C-alpha atoms as a PDB file:
ATOM      1  CA  GLU A   1     101.546 152.432 113.178  1.00  0.00           C
ATOM      2  CA  ILE A   2     102.913 148.973 114.060  1.00  0.00           C
ATOM      3  CA  SER A   3     102.279 147.636 117.559  1.00  0.00           C
ATOM      4  CA  ALA A   4     104.714 145.307 119.328  1.00  0.00           C
ATOM      5  CA  ILE A   5     103.493 141.732 119.771  1.00  0.00           C
ATOM      6  CA  PRO A   6     102.171 141.643 123.341  1.00  0.00           C
ATOM      7  CA  LEU A   7     102.065 137.854 123.747  1.00  0.00           C
ATOM      8  CA  LEU A   8     105.043 135.947 122.402  1.00  0.00           C
ATOM      9  CA  ILE A   9     105.614 132.242 121.747  1.00  0.00           C
ATOM     10  CA  ASN A  10     108.688 130.406 120.460  1.00  0.00           C
ATOM     11  CA  ILE A  11     109.487 126.744 119.801  1.00  0.00           C
ATOM     12  CA  ASN A  12     112.807 125.317 120.970  1.00  0.00           C
ATOM     13  CA  ILE A  13     114.407 121.887 120.978  1.00  0.00           C
ATOM     14  CA  LYS A  14     115.942 120.743 124.249  1.00  0.00           C
ATOM     15  CA  ASN A  15     119.118 119.465 122.639  1.00  0.00           C
ATOM     16  CA  ASP A  16     122.739 120.548 122.943  1.00  0.00           C
ATOM     17  CA  GLU A  17     123.304 120.769 119.178  1.00  0.00           C
ATOM     18  CA  SER A  18     122.925 124.218 117.654  1.00  0.00           C
ATOM     19  CA  ASP A  19     122.117 122.777 114.218  1.00  0.00           C
ATOM     20  CA  PHE A  20     119.874 119.909 115.255  1.00  0.00           C
ATOM     21  CA  VAL A  21     118.978 117.197 112.743  1.00  0.00           C
ATOM     22  CA  ALA A  22     116.566 114.411 113.676  1.00  0.00           C
ATOM     23  CA  LYS A  23     117.189 110.719 113.116  1.00  0.00           C
ATOM     24  CA  PRO A  24     114.573 107.978 112.774  1.00  0.00           C
ATOM     25  CA  GLY A  25     113.894 106.651 116.282  1.00  0.00           C
ATOM     26  CA  ASP A  26     115.001 109.831 118.087  1.00  0.00           C
ATOM     27  CA  MET A  27     112.955 110.953 121.079  1.00  0.00           C
ATOM     28  CA  ILE A  28     112.817 114.759 120.943  1.00  0.00           C
ATOM     29  CA  THR A  29     111.718 117.228 123.613  1.00  0.00           C
ATOM     30  CA  PHE A  30     110.058 120.368 122.278  1.00  0.00           C
ATOM     31  CA  ALA A  31     109.661 123.411 124.517  1.00  0.00           C
ATOM     32  CA  LEU A  32     107.078 126.084 123.708  1.00  0.00           C
ATOM     33  CA  LYS A  33     108.243 129.197 125.522  1.00  0.00           C
ATOM     34  CA  TYR A  34     105.817 132.052 126.075  1.00  0.00           C
ATOM     35  CA  LYS A  35     106.151 135.603 127.445  1.00  0.00           C
ATOM     36  CA  ASN A  36     103.852 138.528 128.178  1.00  0.00           C
ATOM     37  CA  ASN A  37     105.654 141.309 126.341  1.00  0.00           C
ATOM     38  CA  GLY A  38     102.867 143.819 126.909  1.00  0.00           C
ATOM     39  CA  SER A  39     101.694 146.141 129.677  1.00  0.00           C
ATOM     40  CA  ILE A  40      98.488 144.299 130.644  1.00  0.00           C
ATOM     41  CA  SER A  41      97.772 140.846 132.074  1.00  0.00           C
ATOM     42  CA  PHE A  42      96.394 138.144 129.785  1.00  0.00           C
ATOM     43  CA  GLN A  43      93.698 135.811 131.107  1.00  0.00           C
ATOM     44  CA  ASP A  44      92.612 132.266 130.217  1.00  0.00           C
ATOM     45  CA  VAL A  45      95.538 131.637 127.893  1.00  0.00           C
ATOM     46  CA  ILE A  46      95.474 128.597 125.585  1.00  0.00           C
ATOM     47  CA  ILE A  47      98.521 127.156 123.826  1.00  0.00           C
ATOM     48  CA  ARG A  48      98.308 124.771 120.880  1.00  0.00           C
ATOM     49  CA  ALA A  49     100.936 122.818 118.930  1.00  0.00           C
ATOM     50  CA  LYS A  50     100.057 121.159 115.622  1.00  0.00           C
ATOM     51  CA  LEU A  51     102.235 118.261 114.419  1.00  0.00           C
ATOM     52  CA  ILE A  52     102.431 118.345 110.631  1.00  0.00           C
ATOM     53  CA  GLY A  53     103.377 115.290 108.577  1.00  0.00           C
ATOM     54  CA  ASP A  54     103.471 111.539 109.135  1.00  0.00           C
ATOM     55  CA  ARG A  55     106.953 111.301 110.680  1.00  0.00           C
ATOM     56  CA  PHE A  56     105.762 111.685 114.286  1.00  0.00           C
ATOM     57  CA  GLU A  57     105.162 108.502 116.322  1.00  0.00           C
ATOM     58  CA  GLN A  58     101.839 109.537 117.869  1.00  0.00           C
ATOM     59  CA  SER A  59     101.780 106.693 120.401  1.00  0.00           C
ATOM     60  CA  SER A  60     105.047 107.936 121.951  1.00  0.00           C
ATOM     61  CA  LEU A  61     103.742 111.418 122.810  1.00  0.00           C
ATOM     62  CA  ALA A  62     104.240 112.453 126.440  1.00  0.00           C
ATOM     63  CA  SER A  63     102.848 115.779 127.633  1.00  0.00           C
ATOM     64  CA  LEU A  64     100.672 117.463 130.264  1.00  0.00           C
ATOM     65  CA  GLY A  65      98.580 118.830 127.408  1.00  0.00           C
ATOM     66  CA  SER A  66      95.660 117.018 125.816  1.00  0.00           C
ATOM     67  CA  PHE A  67      96.288 115.412 122.420  1.00  0.00           C
ATOM     68  CA  ASN A  68      93.798 114.975 119.597  1.00  0.00           C
ATOM     69  CA  SER A  69      95.272 112.285 117.318  1.00  0.00           C
ATOM     70  CA  GLY A  70      92.689 113.102 114.637  1.00  0.00           C
ATOM     71  CA  THR A  71      93.860 116.699 114.207  1.00  0.00           C
ATOM     72  CA  ASN A  72      97.425 116.148 115.514  1.00  0.00           C
ATOM     73  CA  ILE A  73      96.979 119.079 117.913  1.00  0.00           C
ATOM     74  CA  ILE A  74      98.249 119.280 121.510  1.00  0.00           C
ATOM     75  CA  THR A  75      96.388 121.783 123.706  1.00  0.00           C
ATOM     76  CA  TRP A  76      97.364 123.298 127.060  1.00  0.00           C
ATOM     77  CA  ASN A  77      95.080 125.452 129.201  1.00  0.00           C
ATOM     78  CA  ALA A  78      94.777 126.543 132.823  1.00  0.00           C
ATOM     79  CA  SER A  79      93.287 123.209 133.918  1.00  0.00           C
ATOM     80  CA  GLN A  80      96.632 121.522 133.169  1.00  0.00           C
ATOM     81  CA  ILE A  81      98.989 124.491 133.586  1.00  0.00           C
ATOM     82  CA  PRO A  82      97.630 126.855 136.305  1.00  0.00           C
ATOM     83  CA  GLU A  83     100.055 129.607 135.243  1.00  0.00           C
ATOM     84  CA  LEU A  84      98.028 130.040 132.044  1.00  0.00           C
ATOM     85  CA  LYS A  85      95.059 131.375 134.037  1.00  0.00           C
ATOM     86  CA  LEU A  86      96.742 134.758 134.275  1.00  0.00           C
ATOM     87  CA  ILE A  87     100.023 135.862 132.702  1.00  0.00           C
ATOM     88  CA  ASN A  88     101.166 139.207 134.093  1.00  0.00           C
ATOM     89  CA  PRO A  89     103.384 141.708 132.234  1.00  0.00           C
ATOM     90  CA  GLY A  90     106.946 140.423 131.917  1.00  0.00           C
ATOM     91  CA  GLN A  91     105.950 136.934 133.075  1.00  0.00           C
ATOM     92  CA  GLU A  92     107.228 133.996 131.030  1.00  0.00           C
ATOM     93  CA  GLY A  93     107.100 130.219 131.127  1.00  0.00           C
ATOM     94  CA  GLU A  94     107.011 127.133 128.964  1.00  0.00           C
ATOM     95  CA  VAL A  95     105.090 123.978 128.144  1.00  0.00           C
ATOM     96  CA  ASN A  96     106.732 120.994 126.549  1.00  0.00           C
ATOM     97  CA  PHE A  97     106.200 117.577 125.058  1.00  0.00           C
ATOM     98  CA  ASP A  98     108.271 114.549 124.065  1.00  0.00           C
ATOM     99  CA  ILE A  99     107.682 112.613 120.864  1.00  0.00           C
ATOM    100  CA  ARG A 100     109.602 110.023 118.857  1.00  0.00           C
ATOM    101  CA  VAL A 101     110.507 110.212 115.170  1.00  0.00           C
ATOM    102  CA  ARG A 102     108.984 107.265 113.320  1.00  0.00           C
ATOM    103  CA  GLU A 103     111.375 104.542 112.207  1.00  0.00           C
ATOM    104  CA  ASN A 104     109.499 102.048 110.068  1.00  0.00           C
ATOM    105  CA  ILE A 105     108.219 104.019 107.100  1.00  0.00           C
ATOM    106  CA  ASN A 106     108.777 102.197 103.823  1.00  0.00           C
ATOM    107  CA  MET A 107     109.483 104.178 100.686  1.00  0.00           C
ATOM    108  CA  LYS A 108     106.912 103.668  97.922  1.00  0.00           C
ATOM    109  CA  ARG A 109     108.544 105.702  95.140  1.00  0.00           C
ATOM    110  CA  PHE A 110     111.907 107.285  94.453  1.00  0.00           C
ATOM    111  CA  SER A 111     110.446 110.760  95.017  1.00  0.00           C
ATOM    112  CA  ASP A 112     109.678 109.862  98.666  1.00  0.00           C
ATOM    113  CA  LYS A 113     112.693 111.558 100.212  1.00  0.00           C
ATOM    114  CA  ASN A 114     114.001 114.605 102.114  1.00  0.00           C
ATOM    115  CA  PHE A 115     111.524 114.724 104.999  1.00  0.00           C
ATOM    116  CA  PHE A 116     110.909 117.341 107.693  1.00  0.00           C
ATOM    117  CA  LEU A 117     109.341 117.446 111.106  1.00  0.00           C
ATOM    118  CA  LYS A 118     107.142 120.540 111.272  1.00  0.00           C
ATOM    119  CA  ILE A 119     105.327 122.097 114.223  1.00  0.00           C
ATOM    120  CA  GLU A 120     103.017 125.106 114.220  1.00  0.00           C
ATOM    121  CA  ALA A 121     102.500 126.685 117.666  1.00  0.00           C
ATOM    122  CA  GLU A 122      99.845 129.199 118.712  1.00  0.00           C
ATOM    123  CA  ILE A 123      99.098 131.089 121.910  1.00  0.00           C
ATOM    124  CA  GLU A 124      95.852 132.994 122.399  1.00  0.00           C
ATOM    125  CA  SER A 125      93.897 134.912 125.024  1.00  0.00           C
ATOM    126  CA  PRO A 126      90.503 136.662 125.007  1.00  0.00           C
ATOM    127  CA  THR A 127      92.255 139.628 126.621  1.00  0.00           C
ATOM    128  CA  VAL A 128      92.958 142.391 124.099  1.00  0.00           C
ATOM    129  CA  PRO A 129      95.053 145.555 124.568  1.00  0.00           C
ATOM    130  CA  THR A 130      92.848 148.657 124.361  1.00  0.00           C
ATOM    131  CA  ASP A 131      94.730 150.045 121.356  1.00  0.00           C
ATOM    132  CA  LEU A 132      94.013 146.958 119.203  1.00  0.00           C
ATOM    133  CA  ALA A 133      90.663 146.535 117.437  1.00  0.00           C
ATOM    134  CA  VAL A 134      90.614 142.721 117.503  1.00  0.00           C
ATOM    135  CA  SER A 135      88.506 140.084 119.250  1.00  0.00           C
ATOM    136  CA  LYS A 136      91.412 138.210 120.842  1.00  0.00           C
ATOM    137  CA  THR A 137      95.192 138.210 121.093  1.00  0.00           C
ATOM    138  CA  ILE A 138      97.034 135.539 119.072  1.00  0.00           C
ATOM    139  CA  SER A 139     100.700 134.847 118.384  1.00  0.00           C
ATOM    140  CA  LYS A 140     102.159 132.042 116.260  1.00  0.00           C
ATOM    141  CA  ALA A 141     105.484 130.312 115.619  1.00  0.00           C
ATOM    142  CA  VAL A 142     106.711 127.566 113.268  1.00  0.00           C
ATOM    143  CA  ILE A 143     109.688 125.218 113.363  1.00  0.00           C
ATOM    144  CA  THR A 144     110.921 122.711 110.772  1.00  0.00           C
ATOM    145  CA  ILE A 145     113.587 120.060 111.374  1.00  0.00           C
ATOM    146  CA  LYS A 146     115.320 117.973 108.741  1.00  0.00           C
ATOM    147  CA  ILE A 147     115.374 114.172 109.162  1.00  0.00           C
ATOM    148  CA  MET A 148     118.463 112.163 108.251  1.00  0.00           C
ATOM    149  CA  GLY A 149     118.152 109.235 105.883  1.00  0.00           C
ATOM    150  CA  ARG A 150     118.901 105.621 106.761  1.00  0.00           C
ATOM    151  CA  ALA A 151     121.935 104.176 105.021  1.00  0.00           C
ATOM    152  CA  GLY A 152     122.504 100.423 105.116  1.00  0.00           C
ATOM    153  CA  LEU A 153     125.633  98.269 104.880  1.00  0.00           C
ATOM    154  CA  ASN A 154     125.518  94.479 104.528  1.00  0.00           C
ATOM    155  CA  SER A 155     128.543  92.202 104.353  1.00  0.00           C
ATOM    156  CA  TYR A 156     128.538  88.411 104.167  1.00  0.00           C
ATOM    157  CA  ALA A 157     130.187  85.431 102.471  1.00  0.00           C
ATOM    158  CA  LEU A 158     128.869  82.514 100.432  1.00  0.00           C
ATOM    159  CA  PHE A 159     130.403  79.243  99.308  1.00  0.00           C
ATOM    160  CA  ARG A 160     127.761  78.168  96.810  1.00  0.00           C
ATOM    161  CA  ASP A 161     127.052  81.308  94.820  1.00  0.00           C
ATOM    162  CA  ALA A 162     125.921  80.296  91.336  1.00  0.00           C
ATOM    163  CA  LYS A 163     123.650  83.355  91.145  1.00  0.00           C
ATOM    164  CA  SER A 164     126.699  85.614  91.028  1.00  0.00           C
ATOM    165  CA  GLY A 165     128.178  83.658  88.120  1.00  0.00           C
ATOM    166  CA  LEU A 166     131.267  82.769  90.160  1.00  0.00           C
ATOM    167  CA  ILE A 167     132.033  79.132  90.967  1.00  0.00           C
ATOM    168  CA  ASN A 168     134.008  78.607  94.147  1.00  0.00           C
ATOM    169  CA  LYS A 169     136.503  75.746  94.213  1.00  0.00           C
ATOM    170  CA  GLY A 170     137.269  73.510  97.156  1.00  0.00           C
ATOM    171  CA  THR A 171     135.033  71.810  99.689  1.00  0.00           C
ATOM    172  CA  LEU A 172     133.563  72.373 103.108  1.00  0.00           C
ATOM    173  CA  PRO A 173     134.278  71.924 105.965  1.00  0.00           C
ATOM    174  CA  LEU A 174     137.544  73.765 105.645  1.00  0.00           C
ATOM    175  CA  LYS A 175     140.590  71.544 106.014  1.00  0.00           C
ATOM    176  CA  VAL A 176     144.236  72.236 106.820  1.00  0.00           C
ATOM    177  CA  ASN A 177     146.414  72.614 103.701  1.00  0.00           C
ATOM    178  CA  ASN A 178     143.381  72.435 101.400  1.00  0.00           C
ATOM    179  CA  LEU A 179     142.304  75.421  99.271  1.00  0.00           C
ATOM    180  CA  THR A 180     138.716  76.690  99.447  1.00  0.00           C
ATOM    181  CA  GLN A 181     137.175  79.713  97.753  1.00  0.00           C
ATOM    182  CA  PHE A 182     134.361  82.026  98.878  1.00  0.00           C
ATOM    183  CA  THR A 183     132.606  85.092  97.531  1.00  0.00           C
ATOM    184  CA  LEU A 184     132.444  88.176  99.732  1.00  0.00           C
ATOM    185  CA  HIS A 185     129.358  90.340  99.268  1.00  0.00           C
ATOM    186  CA  LEU A 186     129.262  94.056 100.091  1.00  0.00           C
ATOM    187  CA  GLU A 187     125.886  95.828  99.759  1.00  0.00           C
ATOM    188  CA  ILE A 188     124.997  99.490 100.231  1.00  0.00           C
ATOM    189  CA  SER A 189     121.479 100.927 100.446  1.00  0.00           C
ATOM    190  CA  SER A 190     119.907 104.285 101.289  1.00  0.00           C
ATOM    191  CA  SER A 191     116.411 105.291 102.356  1.00  0.00           C
ATOM    192  CA  ASP A 192     114.799 108.747 102.578  1.00  0.00           C
ATOM    193  CA  THR A 193     117.855 110.727 101.401  1.00  0.00           C
ATOM    194  CA  ASP A 194     120.651 110.499  98.848  1.00  0.00           C
ATOM    195  CA  ILE A 195     124.137 109.884 100.200  1.00  0.00           C
ATOM    196  CA  ASN A 196     127.331 110.892  98.432  1.00  0.00           C
ATOM    197  CA  ASN A 197     131.119 110.642  98.720  1.00  0.00           C
ATOM    198  CA  ILE A 198     130.823 107.057  99.950  1.00  0.00           C
ATOM    199  CA  ASN A 199     134.014 105.422 101.174  1.00  0.00           C
ATOM    200  CA  LEU A 200     133.889 101.756 102.215  1.00  0.00           C
ATOM    201  CA  VAL A 201     137.014 100.137 103.634  1.00  0.00           C
ATOM    202  CA  ALA A 202     137.700  96.650 104.985  1.00  0.00           C
ATOM    203  CA  ASN A 203     140.545  94.198 105.484  1.00  0.00           C
ATOM    204  CA  LEU A 204     140.890  90.618 104.324  1.00  0.00           C
ATOM    205  CA  GLY A 205     141.556  88.218 107.176  1.00  0.00           C
ATOM    206  CA  THR A 206     144.933  86.618 107.838  1.00  0.00           C
ATOM    207  CA  GLY A 207     145.858  84.195 105.069  1.00  0.00           C
ATOM    208  CA  ILE A 208     142.980  85.351 102.823  1.00  0.00           C
ATOM    209  CA  THR A 209     143.830  86.315  99.233  1.00  0.00           C
ATOM    210  CA  ALA A 210     141.724  87.751  96.430  1.00  0.00           C
ATOM    211  CA  THR A 211     141.520  85.811  93.166  1.00  0.00           C
ATOM    212  CA  GLY A 212     141.033  88.968  91.100  1.00  0.00           C
ATOM    213  CA  GLU A 213     137.385  88.240  90.289  1.00  0.00           C
ATOM    214  CA  ILE A 214     135.239  91.263  91.194  1.00  0.00           C
ATOM    215  CA  ILE A 215     131.648  91.914  90.096  1.00  0.00           C
ATOM    216  CA  SER A 216     129.691  95.109  90.792  1.00  0.00           C
ATOM    217  CA  ASN A 217     126.553  96.890  89.607  1.00  0.00           C
ATOM    218  CA  ALA A 218     127.995 100.280  90.588  1.00  0.00           C
ATOM    219  CA  SER A 219     129.931 102.652  88.357  1.00  0.00           C
ATOM    220  CA  SER A 220     133.081 101.788  90.290  1.00  0.00           C
ATOM    221  CA  LYS A 221     134.538  98.569  91.688  1.00  0.00           C
ATOM    222  CA  PRO A 222     136.455  97.976  94.909  1.00  0.00           C
ATOM    223  CA  THR A 223     140.234  97.972  94.721  1.00  0.00           C
ATOM    224  CA  ILE A 224     142.400  95.580  96.730  1.00  0.00           C
ATOM    225  CA  ASN A 225     145.915  96.320  97.945  1.00  0.00           C
ATOM    226  CA  ALA A 226     147.704  92.976  97.800  1.00  0.00           C
ATOM    227  CA  ARG A 227     150.436  94.181 100.181  1.00  0.00           C
ATOM    228  CA  THR A 228     148.117  95.415 102.948  1.00  0.00           C
ATOM    229  CA  SER A 229     145.032  93.245 102.209  1.00  0.00           C
ATOM    230  CA  GLU A 230     142.934  96.420 102.368  1.00  0.00           C
ATOM    231  CA  ILE A 231     139.758  96.754 100.301  1.00  0.00           C
ATOM    232  CA  VAL A 232     138.670 100.262  99.300  1.00  0.00           C
ATOM    233  CA  TRP A 233     135.427 101.060  97.475  1.00  0.00           C
ATOM    234  CA  ASN A 234     134.672 104.684  96.565  1.00  0.00           C
ATOM    235  CA  ILE A 235     131.261 105.617  95.146  1.00  0.00           C
ATOM    236  CA  ASP A 236     130.076 109.091  94.137  1.00  0.00           C
ATOM    237  CA  LYS A 237     126.409 108.713  95.028  1.00  0.00           C
ATOM    238  CA  VAL A 238     123.747 106.302  96.244  1.00  0.00           C
ATOM    239  CA  THR A 239     120.231 107.490  95.420  1.00  0.00           C
ATOM    240  CA  ALA A 240     117.428 107.395  97.998  1.00  0.00           C
ATOM    241  CA  GLY A 241     115.512 104.154  97.475  1.00  0.00           C
ATOM    242  CA  GLN A 242     118.534 102.135  96.317  1.00  0.00           C
ATOM    243  CA  GLY A 243     118.229  98.770  98.038  1.00  0.00           C
ATOM    244  CA  ILE A 244     114.663  99.602  99.109  1.00  0.00           C
ATOM    245  CA  LEU A 245     112.782  99.913  95.823  1.00  0.00           C
ATOM    246  CA  ASN A 246     115.363  97.960  93.813  1.00  0.00           C
ATOM    247  CA  GLU A 247     118.505  95.957  94.476  1.00  0.00           C
ATOM    248  CA  PRO A 248     121.284  97.555  96.537  1.00  0.00           C
ATOM    249  CA  LEU A 249     124.578  98.634  95.079  1.00  0.00           C
ATOM    250  CA  TYR A 250     126.759  95.571  95.451  1.00  0.00           C
ATOM    251  CA  ALA A 251     130.252  94.279  94.952  1.00  0.00           C
ATOM    252  CA  ILE A 252     131.173  90.570  94.933  1.00  0.00           C
ATOM    253  CA  ILE A 253     134.806  89.653  95.552  1.00  0.00           C
ATOM    254  CA  GLN A 254     136.081  86.112  95.174  1.00  0.00           C
ATOM    255  CA  ILE A 255     138.669  85.063  97.751  1.00  0.00           C
ATOM    256  CA  SER A 256     140.608  81.898  98.549  1.00  0.00           C
ATOM    257  CA  VAL A 257     142.161  80.453 101.685  1.00  0.00           C
ATOM    258  CA  THR A 258     144.382  77.499 102.513  1.00  0.00           C
ATOM    259  CA  PRO A 259     144.170  76.995 106.286  1.00  0.00           C
ATOM    260  CA  SER A 260     147.357  76.328 108.236  1.00  0.00           C
ATOM    261  CA  ALA A 261     147.824  73.745 110.969  1.00  0.00           C
ATOM    262  CA  ASN A 262     147.644  76.403 113.705  1.00  0.00           C
ATOM    263  CA  GLN A 263     144.149  77.351 112.505  1.00  0.00           C
ATOM    264  CA  ALA A 264     142.693  73.877 113.038  1.00  0.00           C
ATOM    265  CA  GLY A 265     139.638  73.868 115.292  1.00  0.00           C
ATOM    266  CA  ASN A 266     138.879  77.542 114.714  1.00  0.00           C
ATOM    267  CA  GLU A 267     136.617  79.435 112.368  1.00  0.00           C
ATOM    268  CA  LEU A 268     138.382  81.899 110.097  1.00  0.00           C
ATOM    269  CA  ILE A 269     137.890  85.627 109.799  1.00  0.00           C
ATOM    270  CA  LEU A 270     137.381  86.304 106.104  1.00  0.00           C
ATOM    271  CA  LEU A 271     136.786  90.058 106.303  1.00  0.00           C
ATOM    272  CA  ASN A 272     137.087  92.510 109.180  1.00  0.00           C
ATOM    273  CA  ASN A 273     137.396  96.221 110.036  1.00  0.00           C
ATOM    274  CA  ILE A 274     134.380  96.870 107.801  1.00  0.00           C
ATOM    275  CA  SER A 275     133.302 100.510 107.830  1.00  0.00           C
ATOM    276  CA  LEU A 276     131.532 103.031 105.630  1.00  0.00           C
ATOM    277  CA  SER A 277     131.571 106.814 105.693  1.00  0.00           C
ATOM    278  CA  ALA A 278     129.457 109.129 103.542  1.00  0.00           C
ATOM    279  CA  ASN A 279     127.591 112.432 103.541  1.00  0.00           C
ATOM    280  CA  ASP A 280     123.837 112.802 103.811  1.00  0.00           C
ATOM    281  CA  SER A 281     123.117 115.147 100.901  1.00  0.00           C
ATOM    282  CA  PHE A 282     119.909 116.517 102.493  1.00  0.00           C
ATOM    283  CA  THR A 283     121.015 117.217 106.054  1.00  0.00           C
ATOM    284  CA  LEU A 284     124.743 117.604 105.219  1.00  0.00           C
ATOM    285  CA  LYS A 285     125.533 115.384 108.204  1.00  0.00           C
ATOM    286  CA  LYS A 286     128.179 112.653 108.275  1.00  0.00           C
ATOM    287  CA  VAL A 287     127.036 109.042 107.860  1.00  0.00           C
ATOM    288  CA  GLU A 288     129.137 106.378 109.565  1.00  0.00           C
ATOM    289  CA  LEU A 289     128.433 102.641 109.620  1.00  0.00           C
ATOM    290  CA  SER A 290     130.398  99.563 110.653  1.00  0.00           C
ATOM    291  CA  ASN A 291     129.817  95.818 110.550  1.00  0.00           C
ATOM    292  CA  GLU A 292     130.970  92.797 112.519  1.00  0.00           C
ATOM    293  CA  PRO A 293     133.663  90.595 110.900  1.00  0.00           C
ATOM    294  CA  VAL A 294     132.592  88.107 108.230  1.00  0.00           C
ATOM    295  CA  THR A 295     133.685  84.597 109.229  1.00  0.00           C
ATOM    296  CA  SER A 296     133.754  81.100 107.755  1.00  0.00           C
ATOM    297  CA  ARG A 297     130.600  80.289 109.700  1.00  0.00           C
ATOM    298  CA  LEU A 298     128.677  81.430 106.576  1.00  0.00           C
ATOM    299  CA  ILE A 299     125.430  82.249 108.377  1.00  0.00           C
ATOM    300  CA  PHE A 300     123.922  83.690 105.162  1.00  0.00           C
ATOM    301  CA  ASP A 301     124.563  80.580 103.047  1.00  0.00           C
ATOM    302  CA  PRO A 302     121.580  78.234 103.533  1.00  0.00           C
ATOM    303  CA  SER A 303     123.342  75.434 101.652  1.00  0.00           C
ATOM    304  CA  VAL A 304     126.111  75.157 104.249  1.00  0.00           C
ATOM    305  CA  ILE A 305     125.798  73.098 107.424  1.00  0.00           C
ATOM    306  CA  GLY A 306     128.494  73.445 110.060  1.00  0.00           C
ATOM    307  CA  ASP A 307     130.154  75.947 112.346  1.00  0.00           C
ATOM    308  CA  GLY A 308     132.916  77.017 109.955  1.00  0.00           C
ATOM    309  CA  ARG A 309     135.764  75.472 111.947  1.00  0.00           C
ATOM    310  CA  VAL A 310     138.863  74.162 110.218  1.00  0.00           C
ATOM    311  CA  LEU A 311     139.407  70.369 110.299  1.00  0.00           C
ATOM    312  CA  PRO A 312     142.941  68.998 110.887  1.00  0.00           C
END
C-alpha cells in the first residue's frame, strides 16, 4: 500500500519566464513552497535548502534563514518563521531566498563548460502519521537550472599593425585629400558554452573602402558588399574556451580612406552598426551582442598619439 506524501515541498523561481535560464550576474529569487497534505498537524517543522556547485555567489545571499557557508545549506525553523511551529492540515506557505549567479569564474580547461545551478530542498517534522512506521516525516525536492555562456565581441582599428603582416600606407594625423590605411579587427570569444550559427554584421563608415586584404583564423572569412559597404561574417561554431584558453577567432580587414574637405576637424567613423547574433548550444537561447562604432581615434593602438581628427 502506498501512502500519499503528507508534507509537501516544491522549489520555484520567481521569474516570469516559463523556461528560465540563468545568466552570469543574475540575481534570482527562489521560493520553497510547502503544504500540509495530510490529516494531522505537523509540529516544529524545519526546512533546508542545499546549494550545489560553485556558481552561487555566497556573499550575495539574502534570506530570513540561517546560512552555513561551509555546507552551503540554508535552514529555516520556527524561530525565524513562526508559521513553522505548527502547520495544520491544508495549510501552506513559503520561504525564499535571493542569490546571485557568479560572474568571474575563469575556465581552466576546454571541458569546463555547460554549468547548472542545483538546489536540493528538504522539509521535516518529528510528527509522524500513525499509519507510518518511521521516526520523522521528510519530503524532498530538487531543481536544476542551466546557465548561459558568455560570448564576447571585440572590434577595433590599428594603424601600425606589423603583427598581422599587413602594412598600412599613409600617415597620421589624417589629412584632407590624403590616403591613409587601417586594419579593422573583429574578434569573437565564448566562455562556458559553445555557440553556433554565428552571424556578425557591420557597416564601413562613409568614404571607407576595403582594399581586399582579409586575414582570418576561422574556417570562413568575412565578405564585403562593395555597393552597400556591409560586412557579413558567418561562422558555424565557436567552441567554449575560444578566446579564453587560446586566441579568439579573428578577422582582420584592411581599409583605406581619403578624407574630404567637409570632414576636416572631425574624427572619422571607420566601422559602425556592429552586431552579432548566435545560438547558445547548451541553453538553446539566443545570443545577441553589439559594439560601439570604431573611429579614427584608435584607442587600441598604443603607437598613435592624437584624437583622430582630420587636418585641413
